[in-house]
Amino acid sequence: MRIALGVEYDGTDFFGWQRLSAGPSVQARLEQALSKVAAHPVEVTCAGRTDAGVHGRCQVVHFDSEAGRQMRGWVLGACSNLPASVAVLWARPVPGSFHARFAARSRRYRYHILNRPVRAALDARRVSWERLPLDAGRMHAAAQALLGEHDFSAFRALSCQAAHPRRSVLAVSVWREGEQVFVDIEANAFLHHMVRNIVGSLLLIGRGEQPVEWMARLLAGCDRQVAGPTAPATGLTFIGPRYERHWGLPEEVSQPELPA
């Protein structure tokens, strides 16, 4: 039987999602917890790996098990064996053809910036800090150049192992709520450090150090060395993937219904 899970985590204390030979990972802790519930070894496949320090609002994974457990049992059993920084939100039975990575139609990230003269204390694990004033309107206008399918080499990490740099950005927005600035981006898939590198360039535009048109020039130039620095991992959260509705997954990870 194939089961899909929604997983939430604070990535601060992990070396990233992927299981490693040394160092804590979200995947390893989740597999350990599920293996205890199943009473046999469990391996999970995720919708999208996240780096060290990056958080997950609703990561989706799948695994196979013949253990006779109710869906509620998988949720409660896993949570009881996980650290406080990781929680299983829901469990759903899915067809054997479902694949958490390959069935995902898109993926969504949010970058959270605290924009004030004083650094964060209460939210220090979940936000990035920028002390200089940011113009969110300029950042939003610049980000619109990213929409559509492009070569995103300008925002690709040197360590990226993707077969090619072309990705399709479906939606991107930047807005302010008081002292908070948010960057939301949805794409079919992402390159390594792509969101953090985009945000690093948007920060230069938001501070007035580069013009709004600079983002389009960076994209066309395909030169990572010209673009802005990589923004810190602390502000980045993987909101989750989206799947076609026929898989029967919760609303938060299903594609919006098209208007009639």
Protein backbone atom coordinates (compact mmCIF):
# COMPACT_ATOMS: atom_id res chain seq x y z
CA MET A 1 0.00 0.00 0.00
CA ARG A 2 1.29 3.46 -0.89
CA ILE A 3 0.75 6.29 1.58
CA ALA A 4 1.30 10.03 1.17
CA LEU A 5 2.12 12.27 4.11
CA GLY A 6 2.18 16.03 4.67
CA VAL A 7 5.17 17.02 6.81
CA GLU A 8 5.94 20.30 8.58
CA TYR A 9 9.40 21.09 9.93
CA ASP A 10 11.71 23.76 11.31
CA GLY A 11 14.93 23.19 9.40
CA THR A 12 17.22 25.16 11.73
CA ASP A 13 18.80 22.17 13.45
CA PHE A 14 19.04 19.94 10.37
CA PHE A 15 21.64 19.64 7.62
CA GLY A 16 18.78 19.68 5.13
CA TRP A 17 16.03 17.31 4.04
CA GLN A 18 18.13 14.58 2.45
CA ARG A 19 19.43 11.64 4.47
CA LEU A 20 23.19 11.95 5.04
CA SER A 21 25.97 9.66 6.18
CA ALA A 22 26.79 12.15 8.94
CA GLY A 23 24.67 14.91 10.48
CA PRO A 24 20.95 15.16 11.24
CA SER A 25 18.43 15.33 8.38
CA VAL A 26 14.65 15.61 8.30
CA GLN A 27 14.37 12.56 6.04
CA ALA A 28 16.36 10.34 8.41
CA ARG A 29 14.35 11.38 11.45
CA LEU A 30 11.05 10.85 9.62
CA GLU A 31 12.11 7.42 8.34
CA GLN A 32 13.18 6.38 11.83
CA ALA A 33 9.80 7.43 13.24
CA LEU A 34 7.79 5.71 10.49
CA SER A 35 9.87 2.53 10.78
CA LYS A 36 8.89 2.28 14.44
CA VAL A 37 5.22 2.66 13.57
CA ALA A 38 5.41 0.15 10.70
CA ALA A 39 7.66 -2.31 12.57
CA HIS A 40 9.78 -2.56 9.42
CA PRO A 41 12.26 -0.27 7.62
CA VAL A 42 10.58 2.60 5.78
CA GLU A 43 12.09 4.83 3.08
CA VAL A 44 10.33 7.99 1.94
CA THR A 45 10.45 9.97 -1.31
CA CYS A 46 9.79 13.71 -1.10
CA ALA A 47 8.35 16.33 -3.45
CA GLY A 48 11.42 18.55 -3.22
CA ARG A 49 14.60 18.51 -1.14
CA THR A 50 15.41 21.52 1.03
CA ASP A 51 18.83 22.76 2.14
CA ALA A 52 20.28 23.15 5.61
CA GLY A 53 18.29 25.66 7.65
CA VAL A 54 15.34 25.80 5.23
CA HIS A 55 11.88 25.06 6.64
CA GLY A 56 8.89 23.11 5.32
CA ARG A 57 5.25 24.13 5.70
CA CYS A 58 3.81 21.09 3.92
CA GLN A 59 6.44 18.86 2.40
CA VAL A 60 4.79 15.84 0.73
CA VAL A 61 6.34 12.37 0.81
CA HIS A 62 5.24 8.88 -0.13
CA PHE A 63 6.25 5.45 1.11
CA ASP A 64 5.08 1.84 0.78
CA SER A 65 4.00 -0.39 3.64
CA GLU A 66 1.78 -3.40 4.23
CA ALA A 67 1.54 -2.67 7.95
CA GLY A 68 -2.08 -2.65 9.11
CA ARG A 69 -2.31 0.90 10.39
CA GLN A 70 -5.11 3.44 10.11
CA MET A 71 -4.19 6.80 8.56
CA ARG A 72 -4.66 8.44 11.96
CA GLY A 73 -2.26 5.89 13.41
CA TRP A 74 0.47 6.86 10.97
CA VAL A 75 0.07 10.53 11.92
CA LEU A 76 -0.05 10.07 15.69
CA GLY A 77 2.55 7.32 15.75
CA ALA A 78 5.04 9.26 13.67
CA CYS A 79 4.55 12.47 15.67
CA SER A 80 5.14 10.63 18.95
CA ASN A 81 8.53 9.48 17.65
CA LEU A 82 9.63 12.76 16.06
CA PRO A 83 11.44 15.73 17.62
CA ALA A 84 9.40 18.84 18.39
CA SER A 85 10.69 20.49 15.21
CA VAL A 86 9.02 17.94 12.88
CA ALA A 87 5.35 16.95 12.63
CA VAL A 88 3.29 14.79 10.29
CA LEU A 89 0.16 16.81 9.41
CA TRP A 90 -1.89 14.19 7.55
CA ALA A 91 -1.75 10.78 5.88
CA ARG A 92 -3.67 9.62 2.81
CA PRO A 93 -3.77 6.31 0.90
CA VAL A 94 -2.78 6.88 -2.74
CA PRO A 95 -2.55 4.69 -5.84
CA GLY A 96 0.71 2.88 -6.48
CA SER A 97 1.26 5.15 -9.47
CA PHE A 98 1.50 8.24 -7.26
CA HIS A 99 5.01 9.66 -6.89
CA ALA A 100 5.59 12.61 -4.54
CA ARG A 101 8.24 14.13 -6.81
CA PHE A 102 7.20 13.25 -10.34
CA ALA A 103 3.44 13.79 -9.84
CA ALA A 104 3.96 17.34 -8.52
CA ARG A 105 2.80 19.94 -11.05
CA SER A 106 4.50 22.84 -9.25
CA ARG A 107 6.30 23.83 -6.07
CA ARG A 108 5.94 26.94 -3.90
CA TYR A 109 8.37 28.82 -1.69
CA ARG A 110 8.05 31.85 0.57
CA TYR A 111 10.93 34.04 1.72
CA HIS A 112 10.28 36.06 4.90
CA ILE A 113 12.29 39.21 5.64
CA LEU A 114 12.15 41.23 8.85
CA ASN A 115 12.78 44.78 7.66
CA ARG A 116 13.60 46.98 10.66
CA PRO A 117 16.71 48.50 12.29
CA VAL A 118 16.84 45.84 15.03
CA ARG A 119 17.42 42.11 14.46
CA ALA A 120 14.84 39.47 15.39
CA ALA A 121 14.76 37.67 18.72
CA LEU A 122 11.50 35.73 18.93
CA ASP A 123 11.42 34.92 15.20
CA ALA A 124 15.18 34.60 14.66
CA ARG A 125 14.91 30.97 13.47
CA ARG A 126 12.30 31.71 10.83
CA VAL A 127 13.14 35.10 9.27
CA SER A 128 15.96 36.84 7.49
CA TRP A 129 16.85 40.33 8.71
CA GLU A 130 17.42 43.44 6.60
CA ARG A 131 18.05 46.66 8.54
CA LEU A 132 17.97 49.03 5.55
CA PRO A 133 14.52 50.10 4.28
CA LEU A 134 13.18 48.00 1.41
CA ASP A 135 10.81 49.16 -1.31
CA ALA A 136 8.58 46.11 -1.76
CA GLY A 137 6.86 47.73 -4.75
CA ARG A 138 10.14 47.98 -6.66
CA MET A 139 10.99 44.40 -5.73
CA HIS A 140 7.61 43.16 -6.96
CA ALA A 141 7.91 45.05 -10.25
CA ALA A 142 11.40 43.64 -10.84
CA ALA A 143 10.34 40.08 -10.03
CA GLN A 144 7.73 40.05 -12.80
CA ALA A 145 10.56 39.62 -15.31
CA LEU A 146 10.96 36.08 -13.98
CA LEU A 147 7.53 34.91 -15.12
CA GLY A 148 7.49 32.25 -17.81
CA GLU A 149 10.07 29.73 -18.96
CA HIS A 150 13.68 30.94 -18.91
CA ASP A 151 17.27 29.89 -18.48
CA PHE A 152 17.86 30.63 -14.77
CA SER A 153 21.65 30.20 -14.84
CA ALA A 154 22.05 33.65 -13.23
CA PHE A 155 20.38 32.27 -10.09
CA ARG A 156 21.84 28.75 -10.11
CA ALA A 157 24.34 27.52 -7.50
CA LEU A 158 27.65 26.16 -8.77
CA SER A 159 26.87 22.90 -6.96
CA CYS A 160 23.53 22.47 -8.77
CA GLN A 161 23.19 19.01 -10.29
CA ALA A 162 20.11 19.67 -12.44
CA ALA A 163 20.35 18.42 -16.01
CA HIS A 164 19.53 21.86 -17.44
CA PRO A 165 18.87 25.41 -16.13
CA ARG A 166 15.49 26.03 -17.74
CA ARG A 167 12.56 26.41 -15.36
CA SER A 168 9.06 27.86 -15.65
CA VAL A 169 7.98 30.42 -13.03
CA LEU A 170 4.18 30.42 -12.73
CA ALA A 171 3.69 33.19 -10.18
CA VAL A 172 5.86 35.58 -8.17
CA SER A 173 4.90 38.38 -5.80
CA VAL A 174 6.55 40.65 -3.23
CA TRP A 175 4.56 42.52 -0.61
CA ARG A 176 4.88 44.22 2.75
CA GLU A 177 2.93 43.78 5.99
CA GLY A 178 4.23 46.28 8.52
CA GLU A 179 7.86 45.39 9.23
CA GLN A 180 7.60 42.12 7.27
CA VAL A 181 8.43 41.72 3.57
CA PHE A 182 7.44 38.48 1.83
CA VAL A 183 8.55 36.99 -1.48
CA ASP A 184 6.33 34.20 -2.87
CA ILE A 185 7.38 32.21 -5.92
CA GLU A 186 5.80 29.21 -7.62
CA ALA A 187 7.49 27.25 -10.41
CA ASN A 188 7.34 23.85 -12.03
CA ALA A 189 10.68 23.11 -10.33
CA PHE A 190 13.66 24.97 -8.85
CA LEU A 191 17.41 24.93 -9.28
CA HIS A 192 19.73 24.63 -6.27
CA HIS A 193 19.63 27.94 -4.32
CA MET A 194 17.44 29.48 -7.04
CA VAL A 195 14.99 31.21 -4.67
CA ARG A 196 17.68 32.47 -2.30
CA ASN A 197 19.73 33.81 -5.21
CA ILE A 198 16.68 35.57 -6.65
CA VAL A 199 15.94 37.13 -3.27
CA GLY A 200 19.55 38.25 -2.91
CA SER A 201 19.22 40.22 -6.15
CA LEU A 202 15.78 41.58 -5.23
CA LEU A 203 17.23 42.95 -1.98
CA LEU A 204 19.67 45.11 -3.95
CA ILE A 205 16.74 46.47 -5.96
CA GLY A 206 14.65 46.99 -2.83
CA ARG A 207 17.47 49.01 -1.22
CA GLY A 208 17.74 51.18 -4.32
CA GLU A 209 21.23 49.96 -5.21
CA GLN A 210 20.08 48.59 -8.56
CA PRO A 211 17.26 49.65 -10.93
CA VAL A 212 14.06 47.66 -11.39
CA GLU A 213 15.22 46.68 -14.89
CA TRP A 214 18.32 44.98 -13.49
CA MET A 215 16.47 41.72 -12.79
CA ALA A 216 15.55 41.29 -16.46
CA ARG A 217 19.16 41.99 -17.47
CA LEU A 218 20.46 39.41 -14.99
CA LEU A 219 18.06 36.79 -16.31
CA ALA A 220 19.07 37.45 -19.92
CA GLY A 221 22.78 37.48 -19.09
CA CYS A 222 22.78 34.00 -17.46
CA ASP A 223 25.85 34.96 -15.38
CA ARG A 224 25.71 33.96 -11.70
CA GLN A 225 28.76 36.09 -10.89
CA VAL A 226 26.93 39.29 -11.83
CA ALA A 227 23.78 38.62 -9.78
CA GLY A 228 23.29 39.39 -6.09
CA PRO A 229 24.49 37.27 -3.16
CA THR A 230 22.67 34.20 -1.84
CA ALA A 231 20.13 35.23 0.81
CA PRO A 232 20.31 33.41 4.18
CA ALA A 233 18.52 30.08 4.55
CA THR A 234 16.66 31.12 7.71
CA GLY A 235 14.05 33.14 5.83
CA LEU A 236 13.10 30.41 3.35
CA THR A 237 10.14 28.05 3.73
CA PHE A 238 9.03 25.38 1.27
CA ILE A 239 5.27 26.01 1.29
CA GLY A 240 4.64 22.78 -0.57
CA PRO A 241 3.95 21.19 -3.95
CA ARG A 242 0.71 21.15 -5.94
CA TYR A 243 -0.84 18.00 -7.42
CA GLU A 244 -3.71 17.30 -9.77
CA ARG A 245 -6.94 16.94 -7.83
CA HIS A 246 -7.61 13.36 -8.90
CA TRP A 247 -4.97 12.16 -6.41
CA GLY A 248 -7.35 13.11 -3.60
CA LEU A 249 -4.81 14.96 -1.46
CA PRO A 250 -5.70 17.81 0.93
CA GLU A 251 -6.62 21.19 -0.50
CA GLU A 252 -3.36 22.82 0.56
CA VAL A 253 -1.39 20.69 -1.92
CA SER A 254 -3.97 20.40 -4.71
CA GLN A 255 -4.15 22.59 -7.77
CA PRO A 256 -6.81 25.33 -7.63
CA GLU A 257 -9.99 24.51 -9.48
CA LEU A 258 -10.35 26.31 -12.80
CA PRO A 259 -13.27 28.74 -13.02
CA ALA A 260 -16.28 27.41 -14.87
